[in-house]
Amino acid sequence: MVAVVGPSETRQLVGDADVGVDAVVVDVAGVVVDVVVVDVAGVVVDAVVVGVVGAVVDAVAVDVVGVVVAAEDHRTEDRIVVYFTSLRGIRRTYEDCYAVRMIFRGFRVVVDERDIWMDSAYKKELLSVLGEKNVSLPQVFIRGNYVGGVDAIRQLYDVGDLAKMLKGLPIRAPGYVCESCGDARFVPCVNCNGSRKVYDEDEDQLKKCLECNENGLIRCMTCCS
């Protein structure tokens, strides 16, 4: 399964600190996967997205002497995750992504859609999970298990196996559209209003907003929580 450690989550894990600390993301075997660097004030400087398919991943903050500060579990075994792109630059890729999304919408199941065009962190996340430098889109995970791309989904759909795999997953209400984001899955950052800059009164200068992605967006908390 995929663990997403965002700036706000990491800040909660780290808290206030008098010394430099690292937020270390480990898998269930205790193997360090990657790190999130924070400065001496405990402010998140950078965040990474890592994870493993089919296992619980813990985001653990530790201080310089190795004392565990906090831990949090991130689970995806109860959902469908689809990595796709809404960019129409490559027609075949866009059409494949659209086809897979429409197949799942036909079943009215709730889908965690991760658009790499809207947030490049999803691309890094997907490459990390699959362990490859380049992957085609879309890519689908069901209940934390990797299923495959458009060909795999179409084949499962044609033989009736996809319906069996989706049995028991949450269902969307007929005609449901998120009132907050219009099913775009993202909304402008409430911290910087999408500008990606926030004013630091203490230093009297603008600084990079740590709450949003490169497009000044954050995940919609109404439909993507």
C-alpha atoms as a PDB file:
ATOM      1  CA  MET A   1       0.000   0.000   0.000  1.00  0.00           C
ATOM      2  CA  VAL A   2       1.061   3.561  -0.376  1.00  0.00           C
ATOM      3  CA  ALA A   3       2.068   5.899   2.413  1.00  0.00           C
ATOM      4  CA  VAL A   4       1.672   9.592   1.785  1.00  0.00           C
ATOM      5  CA  VAL A   5       3.513  11.823   4.223  1.00  0.00           C
ATOM      6  CA  GLY A   6       2.572  15.416   3.508  1.00  0.00           C
ATOM      7  CA  PRO A   7       4.135  18.558   4.957  1.00  0.00           C
ATOM      8  CA  SER A   8       1.321  19.177   7.453  1.00  0.00           C
ATOM      9  CA  GLU A   9       1.318  15.562   8.643  1.00  0.00           C
ATOM     10  CA  THR A  10       5.068  15.574   9.054  1.00  0.00           C
ATOM     11  CA  ARG A  11       4.973  18.783  11.010  1.00  0.00           C
ATOM     12  CA  GLN A  12       2.479  17.191  13.400  1.00  0.00           C
ATOM     13  CA  LEU A  13       4.752  14.203  13.804  1.00  0.00           C
ATOM     14  CA  VAL A  14       7.846  16.264  14.463  1.00  0.00           C
ATOM     15  CA  GLY A  15       6.402  19.014  16.618  1.00  0.00           C
ATOM     16  CA  ASP A  16       8.594  21.728  18.091  1.00  0.00           C
ATOM     17  CA  ALA A  17      12.261  20.895  18.310  1.00  0.00           C
ATOM     18  CA  ASP A  18      15.345  22.544  19.733  1.00  0.00           C
ATOM     19  CA  VAL A  19      17.636  20.478  17.522  1.00  0.00           C
ATOM     20  CA  GLY A  20      17.605  19.260  13.950  1.00  0.00           C
ATOM     21  CA  VAL A  21      15.563  16.105  13.454  1.00  0.00           C
ATOM     22  CA  ASP A  22      14.677  13.717  10.665  1.00  0.00           C
ATOM     23  CA  ALA A  23      11.257  12.272  10.007  1.00  0.00           C
ATOM     24  CA  VAL A  24      12.109   8.761   8.949  1.00  0.00           C
ATOM     25  CA  VAL A  25       9.670   6.662   6.932  1.00  0.00           C
ATOM     26  CA  VAL A  26      10.100   2.945   7.489  1.00  0.00           C
ATOM     27  CA  ASP A  27       8.264  -0.107   6.234  1.00  0.00           C
ATOM     28  CA  VAL A  28       6.913  -2.856   8.502  1.00  0.00           C
ATOM     29  CA  ALA A  29      10.243  -4.652   8.435  1.00  0.00           C
ATOM     30  CA  GLY A  30      11.930  -1.610   9.957  1.00  0.00           C
ATOM     31  CA  VAL A  31      13.886  -0.780   6.827  1.00  0.00           C
ATOM     32  CA  VAL A  32      14.452   2.930   6.277  1.00  0.00           C
ATOM     33  CA  VAL A  33      12.895   3.877   2.948  1.00  0.00           C
ATOM     34  CA  ASP A  34      13.456   7.606   2.799  1.00  0.00           C
ATOM     35  CA  VAL A  35      13.722  10.714   4.930  1.00  0.00           C
ATOM     36  CA  VAL A  36      12.029  14.050   5.319  1.00  0.00           C
ATOM     37  CA  VAL A  37      14.428  16.818   6.320  1.00  0.00           C
ATOM     38  CA  VAL A  38      13.345  19.475   8.791  1.00  0.00           C
ATOM     39  CA  ASP A  39      15.252  22.461  10.064  1.00  0.00           C
ATOM     40  CA  VAL A  40      16.275  23.189  13.650  1.00  0.00           C
ATOM     41  CA  ALA A  41      12.963  24.855  14.432  1.00  0.00           C
ATOM     42  CA  GLY A  42      11.038  21.754  13.431  1.00  0.00           C
ATOM     43  CA  VAL A  43       9.737  23.323  10.225  1.00  0.00           C
ATOM     44  CA  VAL A  44       9.401  20.924   7.325  1.00  0.00           C
ATOM     45  CA  VAL A  45      11.800  21.762   4.507  1.00  0.00           C
ATOM     46  CA  ASP A  46      10.968  18.907   2.219  1.00  0.00           C
ATOM     47  CA  ALA A  47       8.615  15.936   2.139  1.00  0.00           C
ATOM     48  CA  VAL A  48       8.690  12.648   0.302  1.00  0.00           C
ATOM     49  CA  VAL A  49       6.110  10.049  -0.609  1.00  0.00           C
ATOM     50  CA  VAL A  50       7.088   6.445  -0.169  1.00  0.00           C
ATOM     51  CA  GLY A  51       5.431   3.142   0.540  1.00  0.00           C
ATOM     52  CA  VAL A  52       5.043  -0.524  -0.162  1.00  0.00           C
ATOM     53  CA  VAL A  53       2.117  -2.358  -1.693  1.00  0.00           C
ATOM     54  CA  GLY A  54       0.116  -4.595   0.620  1.00  0.00           C
ATOM     55  CA  ALA A  55       1.634  -3.575   3.945  1.00  0.00           C
ATOM     56  CA  VAL A  56       1.060  -0.962   6.600  1.00  0.00           C
ATOM     57  CA  VAL A  57       3.627   1.818   6.480  1.00  0.00           C
ATOM     58  CA  ASP A  58       4.447   3.913   9.526  1.00  0.00           C
ATOM     59  CA  ALA A  59       5.613   7.509   9.423  1.00  0.00           C
ATOM     60  CA  VAL A  60       7.904   7.797  12.414  1.00  0.00           C
ATOM     61  CA  ALA A  61       9.558  10.954  13.683  1.00  0.00           C
ATOM     62  CA  VAL A  62      12.773  10.454  15.624  1.00  0.00           C
ATOM     63  CA  ASP A  63      15.088  12.937  17.284  1.00  0.00           C
ATOM     64  CA  VAL A  64      18.866  12.985  16.961  1.00  0.00           C
ATOM     65  CA  VAL A  65      19.334  10.401  19.695  1.00  0.00           C
ATOM     66  CA  GLY A  66      16.898   7.990  18.096  1.00  0.00           C
ATOM     67  CA  VAL A  67      13.952   8.456  20.436  1.00  0.00           C
ATOM     68  CA  VAL A  68      10.612   7.842  18.736  1.00  0.00           C
ATOM     69  CA  VAL A  69       8.434  10.935  18.941  1.00  0.00           C
ATOM     70  CA  ALA A  70       5.259   9.782  17.219  1.00  0.00           C
ATOM     71  CA  ALA A  71       3.880   7.308  14.716  1.00  0.00           C
ATOM     72  CA  GLU A  72       0.964   7.206  12.309  1.00  0.00           C
ATOM     73  CA  ASP A  73      -0.470   4.464  10.093  1.00  0.00           C
ATOM     74  CA  HIS A  74      -1.557   5.015   6.481  1.00  0.00           C
ATOM     75  CA  ARG A  75      -3.782   2.326   4.963  1.00  0.00           C
ATOM     76  CA  THR A  76      -5.152   1.742   1.467  1.00  0.00           C
ATOM     77  CA  GLU A  77      -6.452  -1.817   1.680  1.00  0.00           C
ATOM     78  CA  ASP A  78     -10.026  -0.506   1.764  1.00  0.00           C
ATOM     79  CA  ARG A  79      -9.993   1.327  -1.564  1.00  0.00           C
ATOM     80  CA  ILE A  80      -9.135   1.523  -5.245  1.00  0.00           C
ATOM     81  CA  VAL A  81      -6.183   3.728  -6.166  1.00  0.00           C
ATOM     82  CA  VAL A  82      -5.809   4.871  -9.780  1.00  0.00           C
ATOM     83  CA  TYR A  83      -2.759   6.776 -10.970  1.00  0.00           C
ATOM     84  CA  PHE A  84      -3.602   8.671 -14.148  1.00  0.00           C
ATOM     85  CA  THR A  85      -3.107  11.930 -15.990  1.00  0.00           C
ATOM     86  CA  SER A  86      -5.663  14.506 -17.058  1.00  0.00           C
ATOM     87  CA  LEU A  87      -3.182  16.045 -19.495  1.00  0.00           C
ATOM     88  CA  ARG A  88      -4.274  15.532 -23.112  1.00  0.00           C
ATOM     89  CA  GLY A  89      -0.801  15.963 -24.599  1.00  0.00           C
ATOM     90  CA  ILE A  90      -0.505  12.268 -25.467  1.00  0.00           C
ATOM     91  CA  ARG A  91      -3.869  11.214 -26.858  1.00  0.00           C
ATOM     92  CA  ARG A  92      -3.476   7.452 -26.347  1.00  0.00           C
ATOM     93  CA  THR A  93      -2.438   7.846 -22.708  1.00  0.00           C
ATOM     94  CA  TYR A  94      -5.281  10.235 -21.985  1.00  0.00           C
ATOM     95  CA  GLU A  95      -7.823   7.906 -23.619  1.00  0.00           C
ATOM     96  CA  ASP A  96      -6.524   4.899 -21.669  1.00  0.00           C
ATOM     97  CA  CYS A  97      -6.786   6.824 -18.413  1.00  0.00           C
ATOM     98  CA  TYR A  98     -10.280   8.013 -19.274  1.00  0.00           C
ATOM     99  CA  ALA A  99     -11.384   4.480 -20.176  1.00  0.00           C
ATOM    100  CA  VAL A 100     -10.243   3.022 -16.858  1.00  0.00           C
ATOM    101  CA  ARG A 101     -11.849   5.813 -14.862  1.00  0.00           C
ATOM    102  CA  MET A 102     -15.143   5.310 -16.714  1.00  0.00           C
ATOM    103  CA  ILE A 103     -15.074   1.554 -16.061  1.00  0.00           C
ATOM    104  CA  PHE A 104     -14.836   2.167 -12.325  1.00  0.00           C
ATOM    105  CA  ARG A 105     -17.474   4.883 -12.449  1.00  0.00           C
ATOM    106  CA  GLY A 106     -19.782   2.370 -14.093  1.00  0.00           C
ATOM    107  CA  PHE A 107     -19.538   0.301 -10.915  1.00  0.00           C
ATOM    108  CA  ARG A 108     -20.152   3.469  -8.842  1.00  0.00           C
ATOM    109  CA  VAL A 109     -17.315   2.534  -6.483  1.00  0.00           C
ATOM    110  CA  VAL A 110     -15.338   5.145  -4.614  1.00  0.00           C
ATOM    111  CA  VAL A 111     -11.944   5.603  -6.285  1.00  0.00           C
ATOM    112  CA  ASP A 112      -8.877   7.373  -4.944  1.00  0.00           C
ATOM    113  CA  GLU A 113      -7.784   9.095  -8.163  1.00  0.00           C
ATOM    114  CA  ARG A 114      -4.204  10.391  -8.192  1.00  0.00           C
ATOM    115  CA  ASP A 115      -3.544  12.731 -11.087  1.00  0.00           C
ATOM    116  CA  ILE A 116       0.204  13.072 -11.695  1.00  0.00           C
ATOM    117  CA  TRP A 117      -0.439  16.120 -13.890  1.00  0.00           C
ATOM    118  CA  MET A 118      -1.997  17.947 -10.964  1.00  0.00           C
ATOM    119  CA  ASP A 119       0.620  16.816  -8.448  1.00  0.00           C
ATOM    120  CA  SER A 120       4.039  15.484  -9.471  1.00  0.00           C
ATOM    121  CA  ALA A 121       4.447  13.850  -6.043  1.00  0.00           C
ATOM    122  CA  TYR A 122       2.096  11.120  -7.258  1.00  0.00           C
ATOM    123  CA  LYS A 123       4.508  10.266 -10.048  1.00  0.00           C
ATOM    124  CA  LYS A 124       7.360   9.926  -7.563  1.00  0.00           C
ATOM    125  CA  GLU A 125       5.100   7.853  -5.348  1.00  0.00           C
ATOM    126  CA  LEU A 126       4.162   5.497  -8.183  1.00  0.00           C
ATOM    127  CA  LEU A 127       7.751   5.051  -9.363  1.00  0.00           C
ATOM    128  CA  SER A 128       8.816   4.323  -5.796  1.00  0.00           C
ATOM    129  CA  VAL A 129       6.110   1.717  -5.289  1.00  0.00           C
ATOM    130  CA  LEU A 130       6.748  -0.075  -8.582  1.00  0.00           C
ATOM    131  CA  GLY A 131      10.505   0.328  -8.376  1.00  0.00           C
ATOM    132  CA  GLU A 132      10.814   1.512 -11.967  1.00  0.00           C
ATOM    133  CA  LYS A 133      12.134   4.659 -13.626  1.00  0.00           C
ATOM    134  CA  ASN A 134       9.306   4.908 -16.155  1.00  0.00           C
ATOM    135  CA  VAL A 135       5.782   3.535 -16.113  1.00  0.00           C
ATOM    136  CA  SER A 136       2.811   3.879 -18.434  1.00  0.00           C
ATOM    137  CA  LEU A 137      -0.509   5.269 -17.294  1.00  0.00           C
ATOM    138  CA  PRO A 138      -2.963   4.445 -15.909  1.00  0.00           C
ATOM    139  CA  GLN A 139      -1.866   2.143 -13.075  1.00  0.00           C
ATOM    140  CA  VAL A 140      -4.362   0.559 -10.698  1.00  0.00           C
ATOM    141  CA  PHE A 141      -4.187  -0.829  -7.170  1.00  0.00           C
ATOM    142  CA  ILE A 142      -7.152  -2.580  -5.556  1.00  0.00           C
ATOM    143  CA  ARG A 143      -7.188  -3.216  -1.806  1.00  0.00           C
ATOM    144  CA  GLY A 144      -3.473  -2.500  -1.651  1.00  0.00           C
ATOM    145  CA  ASN A 145      -2.620  -4.990  -4.399  1.00  0.00           C
ATOM    146  CA  TYR A 146      -1.122  -3.972  -7.723  1.00  0.00           C
ATOM    147  CA  VAL A 147      -3.471  -4.913 -10.594  1.00  0.00           C
ATOM    148  CA  GLY A 148      -1.909  -3.285 -13.667  1.00  0.00           C
ATOM    149  CA  GLY A 149      -2.758  -0.886 -16.449  1.00  0.00           C
ATOM    150  CA  VAL A 150      -5.539  -0.417 -18.967  1.00  0.00           C
ATOM    151  CA  ASP A 151      -5.152  -3.844 -20.606  1.00  0.00           C
ATOM    152  CA  ALA A 152      -5.365  -5.658 -17.278  1.00  0.00           C
ATOM    153  CA  ILE A 153      -8.465  -3.721 -16.209  1.00  0.00           C
ATOM    154  CA  ARG A 154     -10.221  -4.265 -19.550  1.00  0.00           C
ATOM    155  CA  GLN A 155      -9.502  -7.988 -19.445  1.00  0.00           C
ATOM    156  CA  LEU A 156     -10.783  -8.333 -15.884  1.00  0.00           C
ATOM    157  CA  TYR A 157     -13.867  -6.327 -16.837  1.00  0.00           C
ATOM    158  CA  ASP A 158     -14.593  -8.388 -19.954  1.00  0.00           C
ATOM    159  CA  VAL A 159     -14.474 -11.745 -18.121  1.00  0.00           C
ATOM    160  CA  GLY A 160     -16.427 -10.486 -15.112  1.00  0.00           C
ATOM    161  CA  ASP A 161     -13.617 -10.800 -12.584  1.00  0.00           C
ATOM    162  CA  LEU A 162     -13.386  -7.072 -11.910  1.00  0.00           C
ATOM    163  CA  ALA A 163     -16.880  -6.973 -10.424  1.00  0.00           C
ATOM    164  CA  LYS A 164     -15.879  -9.739  -8.011  1.00  0.00           C
ATOM    165  CA  MET A 165     -12.757  -7.851  -6.978  1.00  0.00           C
ATOM    166  CA  LEU A 166     -14.778  -4.714  -6.235  1.00  0.00           C
ATOM    167  CA  LYS A 167     -17.407  -6.455  -4.140  1.00  0.00           C
ATOM    168  CA  GLY A 168     -17.694  -4.901  -0.699  1.00  0.00           C
ATOM    169  CA  LEU A 169     -15.924  -1.641  -1.531  1.00  0.00           C
ATOM    170  CA  PRO A 170     -17.636   1.707  -0.743  1.00  0.00           C
ATOM    171  CA  ILE A 171     -20.233   2.872  -3.281  1.00  0.00           C
ATOM    172  CA  ARG A 172     -20.862   6.429  -4.502  1.00  0.00           C
ATOM    173  CA  ALA A 173     -24.379   7.801  -4.450  1.00  0.00           C
ATOM    174  CA  PRO A 174     -25.948   8.062  -7.942  1.00  0.00           C
ATOM    175  CA  GLY A 175     -24.999  11.353  -9.593  1.00  0.00           C
ATOM    176  CA  TYR A 176     -22.695  12.344  -6.731  1.00  0.00           C
ATOM    177  CA  VAL A 177     -20.299  15.202  -7.467  1.00  0.00           C
ATOM    178  CA  CYS A 178     -18.099  16.676  -4.748  1.00  0.00           C
ATOM    179  CA  GLU A 179     -19.400  20.128  -3.830  1.00  0.00           C
ATOM    180  CA  SER A 180     -15.960  21.329  -2.777  1.00  0.00           C
ATOM    181  CA  CYS A 181     -13.840  20.436  -5.820  1.00  0.00           C
ATOM    182  CA  GLY A 182     -16.292  19.327  -8.515  1.00  0.00           C
ATOM    183  CA  ASP A 183     -14.526  15.922  -8.593  1.00  0.00           C
ATOM    184  CA  ALA A 184     -11.220  17.562  -9.523  1.00  0.00           C
ATOM    185  CA  ARG A 185      -9.763  16.083  -6.297  1.00  0.00           C
ATOM    186  CA  PHE A 186      -7.856  19.298  -5.630  1.00  0.00           C
ATOM    187  CA  VAL A 187      -8.690  22.761  -4.310  1.00  0.00           C
ATOM    188  CA  PRO A 188      -6.587  25.946  -4.008  1.00  0.00           C
ATOM    189  CA  CYS A 189      -4.386  25.967  -0.929  1.00  0.00           C
ATOM    190  CA  VAL A 190      -6.122  27.708   1.981  1.00  0.00           C
ATOM    191  CA  ASN A 191      -2.781  28.734   3.442  1.00  0.00           C
ATOM    192  CA  CYS A 192      -1.480  30.706   0.445  1.00  0.00           C
ATOM    193  CA  ASN A 193      -4.615  30.906  -1.760  1.00  0.00           C
ATOM    194  CA  GLY A 194      -2.771  29.080  -4.511  1.00  0.00           C
ATOM    195  CA  SER A 195       0.092  31.583  -4.766  1.00  0.00           C
ATOM    196  CA  ARG A 196       2.638  29.129  -3.272  1.00  0.00           C
ATOM    197  CA  LYS A 197       4.007  32.005  -1.176  1.00  0.00           C
ATOM    198  CA  VAL A 198       3.319  33.018   2.428  1.00  0.00           C
ATOM    199  CA  TYR A 199       4.488  36.102   4.271  1.00  0.00           C
ATOM    200  CA  ASP A 200       6.815  35.545   7.219  1.00  0.00           C
ATOM    201  CA  GLU A 201       6.242  38.432   9.627  1.00  0.00           C
ATOM    202  CA  ASP A 202       9.312  37.632  11.732  1.00  0.00           C
ATOM    203  CA  GLU A 203      11.687  37.772   8.751  1.00  0.00           C
ATOM    204  CA  ASP A 204       9.616  40.285   6.766  1.00  0.00           C
ATOM    205  CA  GLN A 205       9.760  38.279   3.548  1.00  0.00           C
ATOM    206  CA  LEU A 206       7.823  35.870   1.400  1.00  0.00           C
ATOM    207  CA  LYS A 207       8.548  32.171   1.784  1.00  0.00           C
ATOM    208  CA  LYS A 208       7.497  29.039  -0.028  1.00  0.00           C
ATOM    209  CA  CYS A 209       4.211  27.618   1.235  1.00  0.00           C
ATOM    210  CA  LEU A 210       4.742  24.160   2.723  1.00  0.00           C
ATOM    211  CA  GLU A 211       1.104  23.117   2.627  1.00  0.00           C
ATOM    212  CA  CYS A 212       0.540  22.830  -1.138  1.00  0.00           C
ATOM    213  CA  ASN A 213       2.049  21.246  -4.233  1.00  0.00           C
ATOM    214  CA  GLU A 214       3.851  22.874  -7.163  1.00  0.00           C
ATOM    215  CA  ASN A 215       0.528  24.102  -8.557  1.00  0.00           C
ATOM    216  CA  GLY A 216      -0.624  25.757  -5.344  1.00  0.00           C
ATOM    217  CA  LEU A 217      -3.172  22.988  -4.737  1.00  0.00           C
ATOM    218  CA  ILE A 218      -4.035  20.663  -1.885  1.00  0.00           C
ATOM    219  CA  ARG A 219      -6.087  17.477  -1.873  1.00  0.00           C
ATOM    220  CA  CYS A 220      -9.792  18.036  -1.384  1.00  0.00           C
ATOM    221  CA  MET A 221     -10.579  17.062   2.193  1.00  0.00           C
ATOM    222  CA  THR A 222     -14.246  16.471   1.357  1.00  0.00           C
ATOM    223  CA  CYS A 223     -13.830  13.618  -1.125  1.00  0.00           C
ATOM    224  CA  CYS A 224     -10.179  12.556  -0.650  1.00  0.00           C
ATOM    225  CA  SER A 225      -9.915  12.213   3.108  1.00  0.00           C
END
